[in-house]
């Protein structure tokens, strides 16, 4: 029953993903891709995962991903920073996800009065107008980059928790934002990437079994790591991102490679018990952080994005040990090897470890870039909203001292600014250095495979 429910959920996801928009193309070598959005983009998780995919799947492409998210921002707010955060970067593609702060979450309460209902409608009118201005300005001022319109991730109004933070109807409002995004994608001949429909459907299906389940965090707004992985998957699937890392098929009886996809096989040798060969893959497996993997139990992320297949024909029946670079990579029955095994998530494989190292370097880049965004955002906010000179330490300190709740987001970010603004240039340099390290360390290297027959133990079948 649970499995059937999950499969029906996946069917809903596929319909939402492909039922109304054509796939776009994957990013090409030399592209500059800006991700414009609010806090969900500011944190950089989902597009950091997308970047992980591109770094490992296309090691010969140099693509620059730019974080243009600002916590708490809206489509109207994005207009005010568009030149600095997007236009000046000379993007070839811009992915836009806004709406969570445009929808007017505070107007969604149980049994809203007419004033609140009017405010809900007004917020949607403003959202549509500002999104139209935003897309028009990007097209005109950035030289017609490709536009990817992303529907906002959901506000989880159906999850049961004990925080008292629900805003009934808010996700329905975001659904109307999603309709506006869909219209804009069609009007601007852009790509529609649907987060809202599939993620909402996913939540609702799982909440039939567990009403506390959510792909979104406890604040009902910000997705956790599994949610960001789902978003990355939806984005990459919309692009038609290839599933295959590599595929190698070796005829053990003949001692030769009979199929090589995105890989080269050389130095094949064999005797009665050992088959040896060298593989140079042209990609690394897609590295997925362990904290995000729970969602993979329910979504075909491995099937869709991470197929590193090793297959053997002509094997004698029995058990075999696979080693890569003389390190054990697992024991397998001949039937399994005949069907093909996926090495992409085999943590004993050097390719897996290599990809994880790339992801770790990219995470350092992402987290440092997020710190850069934090500092710039606070600086702008103090200058534009509080009319404080951000270069006057005394004024900034006085502003912080007046804050009564020192645990609030604004206070935490202001204190971070006080402590770290002098290091802004250092952080910018670190982002560049981490990116250089990522690019320098992502190229696949050849590995030696040995497949050895394991004699059966006497008395055991």
Protein backbone atom coordinates (compact mmCIF):
# COMPACT_ATOMS: atom_id res chain seq x y z
CA UNK A 1 0.00 0.00 0.00
CA UNK A 2 2.75 2.45 0.96
CA UNK A 3 4.74 1.56 -2.16
CA UNK A 4 1.68 2.06 -4.35
CA UNK A 5 1.08 5.45 -2.71
CA UNK A 6 4.66 6.49 -3.39
CA UNK A 7 4.40 5.39 -7.01
CA UNK A 8 1.20 7.37 -7.46
CA UNK A 9 2.97 10.37 -5.95
CA UNK A 10 5.80 9.99 -8.44
CA UNK A 11 3.23 9.80 -11.24
CA UNK A 12 1.79 13.11 -10.05
CA UNK A 13 5.28 14.57 -9.99
CA UNK A 14 6.02 13.47 -13.53
CA UNK A 15 2.74 14.94 -14.74
CA UNK A 16 3.42 18.24 -12.98
CA UNK A 17 6.96 18.33 -14.29
CA UNK A 18 6.38 17.54 -17.94
CA UNK A 19 2.65 17.96 -18.48
CA UNK A 20 2.80 21.63 -19.37
CA UNK A 21 6.29 22.66 -20.44
CA UNK A 22 9.00 21.46 -22.73
CA UNK A 23 12.43 20.63 -21.40
CA UNK A 24 15.17 23.21 -21.77
CA UNK A 25 18.75 22.42 -22.63
CA UNK A 26 21.54 21.82 -20.16
CA UNK A 27 23.89 24.73 -19.58
CA UNK A 28 26.75 24.99 -22.05
CA UNK A 29 30.44 25.69 -21.64
CA UNK A 30 31.13 29.34 -20.84
CA UNK A 31 27.69 30.14 -19.43
CA UNK A 32 27.10 32.49 -16.51
CA UNK A 33 23.97 31.43 -14.62
CA UNK A 34 22.36 33.77 -12.06
CA UNK A 35 19.92 32.37 -9.51
CA UNK A 36 17.70 35.27 -8.48
CA UNK A 37 15.49 34.82 -5.44
CA UNK A 38 14.81 35.18 -1.74
CA UNK A 39 16.19 33.34 1.30
CA UNK A 40 15.63 29.91 -0.26
CA UNK A 41 18.01 30.96 -3.01
CA UNK A 42 20.23 33.05 -0.71
CA UNK A 43 21.23 29.93 1.24
CA UNK A 44 22.37 28.42 -2.04
CA UNK A 45 21.57 24.80 -1.26
CA UNK A 46 19.53 23.69 -4.24
CA UNK A 47 21.62 25.49 -6.84
CA UNK A 48 24.78 24.34 -5.04
CA UNK A 49 23.54 20.78 -5.67
CA UNK A 50 22.83 21.63 -9.30
CA UNK A 51 26.37 22.99 -9.53
CA UNK A 52 27.69 19.72 -8.02
CA UNK A 53 25.97 17.88 -10.84
CA UNK A 54 27.47 20.09 -13.54
CA UNK A 55 30.95 19.99 -12.03
CA UNK A 56 31.01 16.20 -11.98
CA UNK A 57 28.96 15.36 -15.08
CA UNK A 58 30.59 17.90 -17.41
CA UNK A 59 34.19 18.29 -16.18
CA UNK A 60 35.22 19.89 -19.49
CA UNK A 61 32.71 22.71 -19.15
CA UNK A 62 33.38 25.88 -17.21
CA UNK A 63 30.06 27.30 -16.02
CA UNK A 64 29.83 30.08 -13.47
CA UNK A 65 26.93 29.89 -11.02
CA UNK A 66 26.05 33.20 -9.34
CA UNK A 67 24.02 33.44 -6.14
CA UNK A 68 21.69 36.43 -6.49
CA UNK A 69 19.41 35.56 -3.59
CA UNK A 70 18.56 37.87 -0.68
CA UNK A 71 16.78 36.72 2.45
CA UNK A 72 13.37 38.33 2.88
CA UNK A 73 13.31 39.70 -0.64
CA UNK A 74 10.43 40.01 -3.07
CA UNK A 75 10.01 40.66 -6.77
CA UNK A 76 9.71 44.36 -6.02
CA UNK A 77 12.85 44.30 -3.92
CA UNK A 78 14.74 42.43 -6.61
CA UNK A 79 14.05 45.28 -9.02
CA UNK A 80 16.06 47.61 -6.78
CA UNK A 81 19.18 45.43 -6.84
CA UNK A 82 18.90 43.98 -10.32
CA UNK A 83 21.78 45.95 -11.83
CA UNK A 84 24.30 45.04 -9.13
CA UNK A 85 23.27 41.43 -8.55
CA UNK A 86 22.30 40.26 -12.03
CA UNK A 87 22.85 42.66 -14.95
CA UNK A 88 26.47 43.44 -14.02
CA UNK A 89 27.29 39.72 -14.02
CA UNK A 90 26.48 39.53 -17.76
CA UNK A 91 24.44 36.34 -17.40
CA UNK A 92 23.64 33.99 -20.25
CA UNK A 93 20.86 32.40 -18.15
CA UNK A 94 18.81 33.71 -15.24
CA UNK A 95 16.74 31.42 -13.01
CA UNK A 96 14.07 33.36 -11.09
CA UNK A 97 12.28 32.05 -8.00
CA UNK A 98 10.30 34.58 -5.98
CA UNK A 99 6.90 34.61 -4.31
CA UNK A 100 7.31 33.41 -0.75
CA UNK A 101 7.63 36.99 0.52
CA UNK A 102 5.37 38.49 -2.15
CA UNK A 103 2.28 36.48 -1.32
CA UNK A 104 1.69 38.35 1.96
CA UNK A 105 1.85 35.44 4.38
CA UNK A 106 0.55 37.53 7.27
CA UNK A 107 -2.78 37.97 5.50
CA UNK A 108 -3.47 34.24 5.57
CA UNK A 109 -5.33 33.29 8.73
CA UNK A 110 -8.24 31.06 9.58
CA UNK A 111 -11.49 32.76 8.46
CA UNK A 112 -9.90 35.92 6.99
CA UNK A 113 -12.07 39.04 6.96
CA UNK A 114 -12.73 41.06 3.83
CA UNK A 115 -9.79 43.35 4.51
CA UNK A 116 -7.37 40.42 4.60
CA UNK A 117 -8.95 38.87 1.50
CA UNK A 118 -8.47 42.16 -0.32
CA UNK A 119 -4.86 42.29 0.85
CA UNK A 120 -4.30 38.75 -0.48
CA UNK A 121 -5.60 39.77 -3.90
CA UNK A 122 -3.57 42.97 -3.85
CA UNK A 123 -0.39 41.08 -3.07
CA UNK A 124 -0.93 38.84 -6.09
CA UNK A 125 -1.59 41.84 -8.34
CA UNK A 126 1.65 43.45 -7.15
CA UNK A 127 3.53 40.19 -7.58
CA UNK A 128 2.41 39.83 -11.18
CA UNK A 129 3.27 43.45 -12.00
CA UNK A 130 6.72 43.26 -10.40
CA UNK A 131 7.55 39.91 -11.99
CA UNK A 132 6.59 41.33 -15.39
CA UNK A 133 8.86 44.32 -14.80
CA UNK A 134 11.64 42.07 -13.57
CA UNK A 135 11.58 39.77 -16.59
CA UNK A 136 11.29 42.70 -19.00
CA UNK A 137 14.27 44.48 -17.47
CA UNK A 138 16.41 41.35 -17.46
CA UNK A 139 15.68 40.76 -21.13
CA UNK A 140 16.32 44.38 -22.10
CA UNK A 141 19.33 45.15 -19.90
CA UNK A 142 21.13 41.80 -19.84
CA UNK A 143 20.98 41.18 -23.59
CA UNK A 144 18.20 38.58 -23.79
CA UNK A 145 19.62 35.82 -21.58
CA UNK A 146 17.72 32.55 -21.36
CA UNK A 147 15.09 32.81 -18.62
CA UNK A 148 14.12 29.96 -16.33
CA UNK A 149 10.97 30.76 -14.36
CA UNK A 150 10.75 28.68 -11.18
CA UNK A 151 7.45 28.38 -9.35
CA UNK A 152 7.90 29.09 -5.63
CA UNK A 153 8.53 26.15 -3.32
CA UNK A 154 5.52 25.51 -1.09
CA UNK A 155 4.49 26.86 2.28
CA UNK A 156 3.50 23.66 4.06
CA UNK A 157 0.06 24.51 5.43
CA UNK A 158 -0.98 20.87 5.88
CA UNK A 159 1.83 19.53 8.08
CA UNK A 160 0.88 19.07 11.75
CA UNK A 161 3.40 20.49 14.22
CA UNK A 162 3.40 22.08 17.67
CA UNK A 163 4.86 25.46 16.69
CA UNK A 164 1.64 27.37 16.14
CA UNK A 165 3.07 28.81 12.93
CA UNK A 166 0.47 27.83 10.37
CA UNK A 167 -1.03 30.34 7.94
CA UNK A 168 -3.97 28.52 6.34
CA UNK A 169 -4.44 29.21 2.66
CA UNK A 170 -0.93 30.58 2.18
CA UNK A 171 0.14 27.72 -0.04
CA UNK A 172 -2.98 28.21 -2.13
CA UNK A 173 -1.82 31.80 -2.61
CA UNK A 174 1.58 30.51 -3.68
CA UNK A 175 -0.25 28.23 -6.10
CA UNK A 176 -1.71 31.34 -7.70
CA UNK A 177 1.83 32.79 -7.80
CA UNK A 178 2.82 29.61 -9.62
CA UNK A 179 0.10 30.24 -12.21
CA UNK A 180 1.52 33.72 -12.76
CA UNK A 181 5.00 32.25 -13.19
CA UNK A 182 3.64 29.74 -15.69
CA UNK A 183 2.08 32.56 -17.73
CA UNK A 184 5.32 34.56 -17.63
CA UNK A 185 7.34 31.59 -18.86
CA UNK A 186 5.01 31.21 -21.83
CA UNK A 187 4.90 34.94 -22.55
CA UNK A 188 8.69 35.30 -22.46
CA UNK A 189 9.40 32.00 -24.22
CA UNK A 190 11.27 30.92 -21.13
CA UNK A 191 11.58 27.58 -19.39
CA UNK A 192 9.12 26.68 -16.65
CA UNK A 193 10.60 24.78 -13.71
CA UNK A 194 7.82 23.66 -11.39
CA UNK A 195 8.74 23.27 -7.72
CA UNK A 196 5.38 24.19 -6.21
CA UNK A 197 3.19 21.51 -7.80
CA UNK A 198 5.42 18.46 -7.32
CA UNK A 199 6.56 19.39 -3.80
CA UNK A 200 3.02 20.12 -2.65
CA UNK A 201 1.84 16.81 -4.11
CA UNK A 202 4.72 14.99 -2.46
CA UNK A 203 3.85 16.43 0.95
CA UNK A 204 0.16 15.61 0.63
CA UNK A 205 0.82 11.99 -0.38
CA UNK A 206 3.18 11.34 2.51
CA UNK A 207 1.00 13.14 5.02
CA UNK A 208 -1.69 10.53 4.37
CA UNK A 209 0.62 8.12 6.22
CA UNK A 210 2.22 10.60 8.65
CA UNK A 211 0.58 13.97 9.24
CA UNK A 212 3.86 15.35 10.63
CA UNK A 213 5.81 14.62 7.46
CA UNK A 214 7.14 17.55 5.43
CA UNK A 215 9.67 18.15 2.67
CA UNK A 216 9.83 21.69 4.06
CA UNK A 217 11.45 22.68 7.36
CA UNK A 218 9.65 23.23 10.68
CA UNK A 219 9.04 26.90 9.86
CA UNK A 220 6.85 25.69 6.95
CA UNK A 221 8.82 27.98 4.59
CA UNK A 222 12.40 26.82 4.12
CA UNK A 223 13.06 23.34 2.67
CA UNK A 224 15.55 21.14 4.48
CA UNK A 225 18.34 19.31 2.65
CA UNK A 226 15.99 16.60 1.28
CA UNK A 227 13.73 19.35 -0.05
CA UNK A 228 16.64 21.11 -1.72
CA UNK A 229 17.71 17.81 -3.31
CA UNK A 230 14.20 17.37 -4.66
CA UNK A 231 14.37 20.91 -6.07
CA UNK A 232 17.73 20.20 -7.72
CA UNK A 233 16.28 17.00 -9.21
CA UNK A 234 13.23 18.82 -10.56
CA UNK A 235 15.43 21.54 -12.08
CA UNK A 236 17.83 19.08 -13.72
CA UNK A 237 15.00 16.87 -15.00
CA UNK A 238 13.40 19.91 -16.61
CA UNK A 239 16.70 20.54 -18.39
CA UNK A 240 16.82 16.96 -19.64
CA UNK A 241 20.05 16.34 -17.72
CA UNK A 242 21.57 12.98 -18.67
CA UNK A 243 21.29 10.08 -16.26
CA UNK A 244 24.41 8.27 -17.43
CA UNK A 245 27.72 8.90 -15.72
CA UNK A 246 29.23 6.04 -17.68
CA UNK A 247 28.45 2.54 -18.81
CA UNK A 248 31.04 -0.18 -19.31
CA UNK A 249 30.17 -3.70 -20.48
CA UNK A 250 32.95 -6.29 -20.51
CA UNK A 251 32.71 -9.72 -22.10
CA UNK A 252 34.53 -11.83 -19.51
CA UNK A 253 34.68 -14.88 -21.73
CA UNK A 254 36.23 -13.00 -24.65
CA UNK A 255 38.32 -10.69 -22.47
CA UNK A 256 37.24 -7.46 -24.15
CA UNK A 257 35.04 -4.43 -23.64
CA UNK A 258 31.93 -4.63 -25.78
CA UNK A 259 30.25 -1.35 -24.82
CA UNK A 260 31.70 1.92 -23.53
CA UNK A 261 29.48 4.93 -22.92
CA UNK A 262 31.23 8.09 -21.74
CA UNK A 263 34.27 6.00 -20.85
CA UNK A 264 37.34 4.38 -22.36
CA UNK A 265 38.49 0.85 -21.50
CA UNK A 266 42.06 -0.29 -22.08
CA UNK A 267 44.56 -2.94 -20.95
CA UNK A 268 42.07 -5.81 -20.69
CA UNK A 269 43.75 -9.02 -19.47
CA UNK A 270 42.28 -12.27 -18.20
CA UNK A 271 43.15 -15.69 -16.89
CA UNK A 272 41.02 -18.43 -15.39
CA UNK A 273 40.24 -16.54 -12.19
CA UNK A 274 41.02 -12.85 -12.68
CA UNK A 275 39.85 -10.27 -15.19
CA UNK A 276 41.67 -6.93 -15.19
CA UNK A 277 41.18 -3.72 -17.16
CA UNK A 278 41.62 0.04 -16.92
CA UNK A 279 38.71 2.50 -17.16
CA UNK A 280 38.92 6.23 -17.80
CA UNK A 281 35.45 7.66 -17.30
CA UNK A 282 34.62 11.04 -18.76
CA UNK A 283 32.54 12.05 -15.74
CA UNK A 284 32.27 11.51 -12.00
CA UNK A 285 29.15 10.34 -10.18
CA UNK A 286 26.76 13.00 -8.87
CA UNK A 287 27.71 13.57 -5.23
CA UNK A 288 24.72 13.80 -2.88
CA UNK A 289 25.22 14.95 0.69
CA UNK A 290 24.17 12.27 3.18
CA UNK A 291 21.69 14.54 4.97
CA UNK A 292 19.65 14.88 1.79
CA UNK A 293 19.38 11.23 0.85
CA UNK A 294 16.21 10.32 2.75
CA UNK A 295 14.12 11.63 -0.15
CA UNK A 296 15.84 9.21 -2.52
CA UNK A 297 13.81 6.38 -1.02
CA UNK A 298 10.74 7.88 -2.70
CA UNK A 299 12.03 9.67 -5.79
CA UNK A 300 13.93 8.15 -8.75
CA UNK A 301 16.90 10.49 -8.32
CA UNK A 302 19.48 7.72 -8.69
CA UNK A 303 17.76 6.36 -11.81
CA UNK A 304 17.31 9.80 -13.34
CA UNK A 305 20.66 11.41 -12.57
CA UNK A 306 23.28 8.95 -11.33
CA UNK A 307 23.87 5.83 -13.42
CA UNK A 308 27.48 4.61 -13.32
CA UNK A 309 26.96 1.12 -14.71
CA UNK A 310 29.44 -1.75 -14.76
CA UNK A 311 28.23 -4.94 -16.44
CA UNK A 312 29.77 -8.28 -17.36
CA UNK A 313 28.71 -10.92 -19.84
CA UNK A 314 30.08 -14.43 -20.18
CA UNK A 315 30.79 -14.93 -16.48
CA UNK A 316 30.83 -18.40 -14.97
CA UNK A 317 28.20 -18.80 -12.29
CA UNK A 318 29.37 -17.95 -8.81
CA UNK A 319 30.59 -15.12 -6.56
CA UNK A 320 33.13 -12.47 -7.51
CA UNK A 321 35.13 -9.78 -5.73
CA UNK A 322 35.55 -6.43 -7.43
CA UNK A 323 38.55 -4.28 -6.65
CA UNK A 324 39.31 -0.83 -7.99
CA UNK A 325 42.92 0.31 -7.68
CA UNK A 326 43.53 -2.75 -5.46
CA UNK A 327 40.89 -1.62 -2.92
CA UNK A 328 37.78 -3.80 -2.37
CA UNK A 329 34.67 -2.34 -3.97
CA UNK A 330 32.29 -5.18 -3.13
CA UNK A 331 31.37 -8.82 -3.63
CA UNK A 332 28.72 -9.72 -6.17
CA UNK A 333 27.02 -12.76 -7.61
CA UNK A 334 27.43 -13.42 -11.31
CA UNK A 335 23.71 -12.77 -11.88
CA UNK A 336 24.02 -9.27 -10.42
CA UNK A 337 27.08 -8.51 -12.52
CA UNK A 338 25.30 -9.85 -15.58
CA UNK A 339 22.44 -7.40 -15.03
CA UNK A 340 24.84 -4.55 -14.28
CA UNK A 341 25.67 -2.82 -11.02
CA UNK A 342 25.51 0.90 -10.32
CA UNK A 343 28.69 2.18 -8.69
CA UNK A 344 27.52 5.79 -8.32
CA UNK A 345 26.70 5.51 -4.61
CA UNK A 346 29.29 2.85 -3.74
CA UNK A 347 31.33 4.70 -1.11
CA UNK A 348 34.23 2.25 -1.47
CA UNK A 349 34.90 3.35 -5.06
CA UNK A 350 37.59 5.98 -5.71
CA UNK A 351 35.28 7.75 -8.17
CA UNK A 352 32.71 8.22 -5.41
CA UNK A 353 35.38 9.61 -3.07
CA UNK A 354 36.68 11.87 -5.82
CA UNK A 355 33.19 13.26 -6.45
CA UNK A 356 32.62 13.80 -2.73
CA UNK A 357 35.87 15.78 -2.57
CA UNK A 358 34.63 17.98 -5.40
CA UNK A 359 31.35 18.52 -3.54
CA UNK A 360 33.19 19.39 -0.32
CA UNK A 361 35.21 22.04 -2.13
CA UNK A 362 32.07 23.36 -3.78
CA UNK A 363 30.35 23.48 -0.39
CA UNK A 364 33.18 25.68 0.89
CA UNK A 365 32.62 27.92 -2.11
CA UNK A 366 28.85 27.97 -1.53
CA UNK A 367 29.01 28.70 2.19
CA UNK A 368 31.58 31.46 1.67
CA UNK A 369 29.51 32.97 -1.13
CA UNK A 370 26.52 32.89 1.22
CA UNK A 371 28.54 34.86 3.77
CA UNK A 372 29.30 37.41 1.04
CA UNK A 373 25.56 37.63 0.35
CA UNK A 374 24.86 38.03 4.09
CA UNK A 375 27.22 40.98 4.41
CA UNK A 376 25.97 42.72 1.27
CA UNK A 377 22.34 42.22 2.24
CA UNK A 378 22.76 43.72 5.71
CA UNK A 379 24.74 46.62 4.27
CA UNK A 380 22.00 47.44 1.78
CA UNK A 381 19.24 47.05 4.35
CA UNK A 382 20.88 49.40 6.84
CA UNK A 383 21.48 52.00 4.13
CA UNK A 384 18.12 51.79 2.34
CA UNK A 385 15.68 51.04 5.17
CA UNK A 386 17.30 52.40 8.32
CA UNK A 387 19.23 55.26 6.67
CA UNK A 388 22.37 54.20 8.53
CA UNK A 389 25.82 54.69 7.05
CA UNK A 390 27.13 51.10 6.92
CA UNK A 391 30.70 52.44 6.93
CA UNK A 392 30.16 54.15 10.31
CA UNK A 393 31.00 51.48 12.94
CA UNK A 394 29.53 53.55 15.78
CA UNK A 395 26.21 53.99 13.98
CA UNK A 396 26.02 50.29 13.12
CA UNK A 397 26.83 49.30 16.71
CA UNK A 398 24.19 51.69 18.06
CA UNK A 399 21.66 50.18 15.65
CA UNK A 400 22.48 46.70 16.95
CA UNK A 401 22.39 47.80 20.60
CA UNK A 402 18.81 49.05 20.15
CA UNK A 403 17.59 45.64 19.02
CA UNK A 404 15.66 44.01 21.85
CA UNK A 405 15.68 40.46 20.50
CA UNK A 406 19.31 39.58 19.95
CA UNK A 407 18.32 36.15 18.60
CA UNK A 408 16.24 37.55 15.76
CA UNK A 409 17.48 37.09 12.20
CA UNK A 410 18.11 40.81 11.81
CA UNK A 411 20.15 41.01 15.02
CA UNK A 412 22.20 37.92 14.19
CA UNK A 413 22.98 39.23 10.70
CA UNK A 414 23.83 42.69 12.02
CA UNK A 415 26.24 41.25 14.57
CA UNK A 416 27.77 39.15 11.81
CA UNK A 417 28.25 42.36 9.81
CA UNK A 418 29.94 44.08 12.76
CA UNK A 419 32.33 41.18 13.20
CA UNK A 420 33.06 40.36 9.57
CA UNK A 421 32.54 43.29 7.20
CA UNK A 422 36.27 44.10 7.33
CA UNK A 423 36.86 40.63 5.88
CA UNK A 424 34.51 41.11 2.92
CA UNK A 425 37.31 41.33 0.37
CA UNK A 426 38.91 38.24 1.86
CA UNK A 427 35.68 36.27 1.51
CA UNK A 428 35.27 37.36 -2.13
CA UNK A 429 38.80 36.17 -2.82
CA UNK A 430 38.12 32.87 -1.07
CA UNK A 431 35.07 32.24 -3.27
CA UNK A 432 37.28 32.65 -6.33
CA UNK A 433 40.00 30.41 -4.87
CA UNK A 434 37.57 27.64 -3.92
CA UNK A 435 36.07 27.78 -7.41
CA UNK A 436 39.54 27.43 -8.93
CA UNK A 437 40.24 24.47 -6.65
CA UNK A 438 36.97 22.82 -7.64
CA UNK A 439 37.78 23.16 -11.32
CA UNK A 440 41.34 21.92 -10.84
CA UNK A 441 40.26 18.80 -8.93
CA UNK A 442 37.20 17.57 -10.83
CA UNK A 443 38.78 15.80 -13.80
CA UNK A 444 38.33 12.01 -13.83
CA UNK A 445 41.43 9.82 -13.68
CA UNK A 446 41.95 6.23 -14.88
CA UNK A 447 41.31 3.36 -12.47
CA UNK A 448 42.33 -0.29 -12.61
CA UNK A 449 39.54 -2.82 -12.11
CA UNK A 450 40.07 -6.43 -11.16
CA UNK A 451 37.29 -8.99 -10.96
CA UNK A 452 38.27 -12.20 -9.16
CA UNK A 453 36.33 -15.42 -8.88
CA UNK A 454 35.68 -16.37 -5.23
CA UNK A 455 35.81 -20.16 -4.80
CA UNK A 456 32.88 -21.55 -2.81
CA UNK A 457 33.61 -22.53 0.80
CA UNK A 458 33.58 -26.29 1.31
CA UNK A 459 30.25 -27.44 2.77
CA UNK A 460 28.42 -24.24 1.83
CA UNK A 461 26.12 -23.74 -1.09
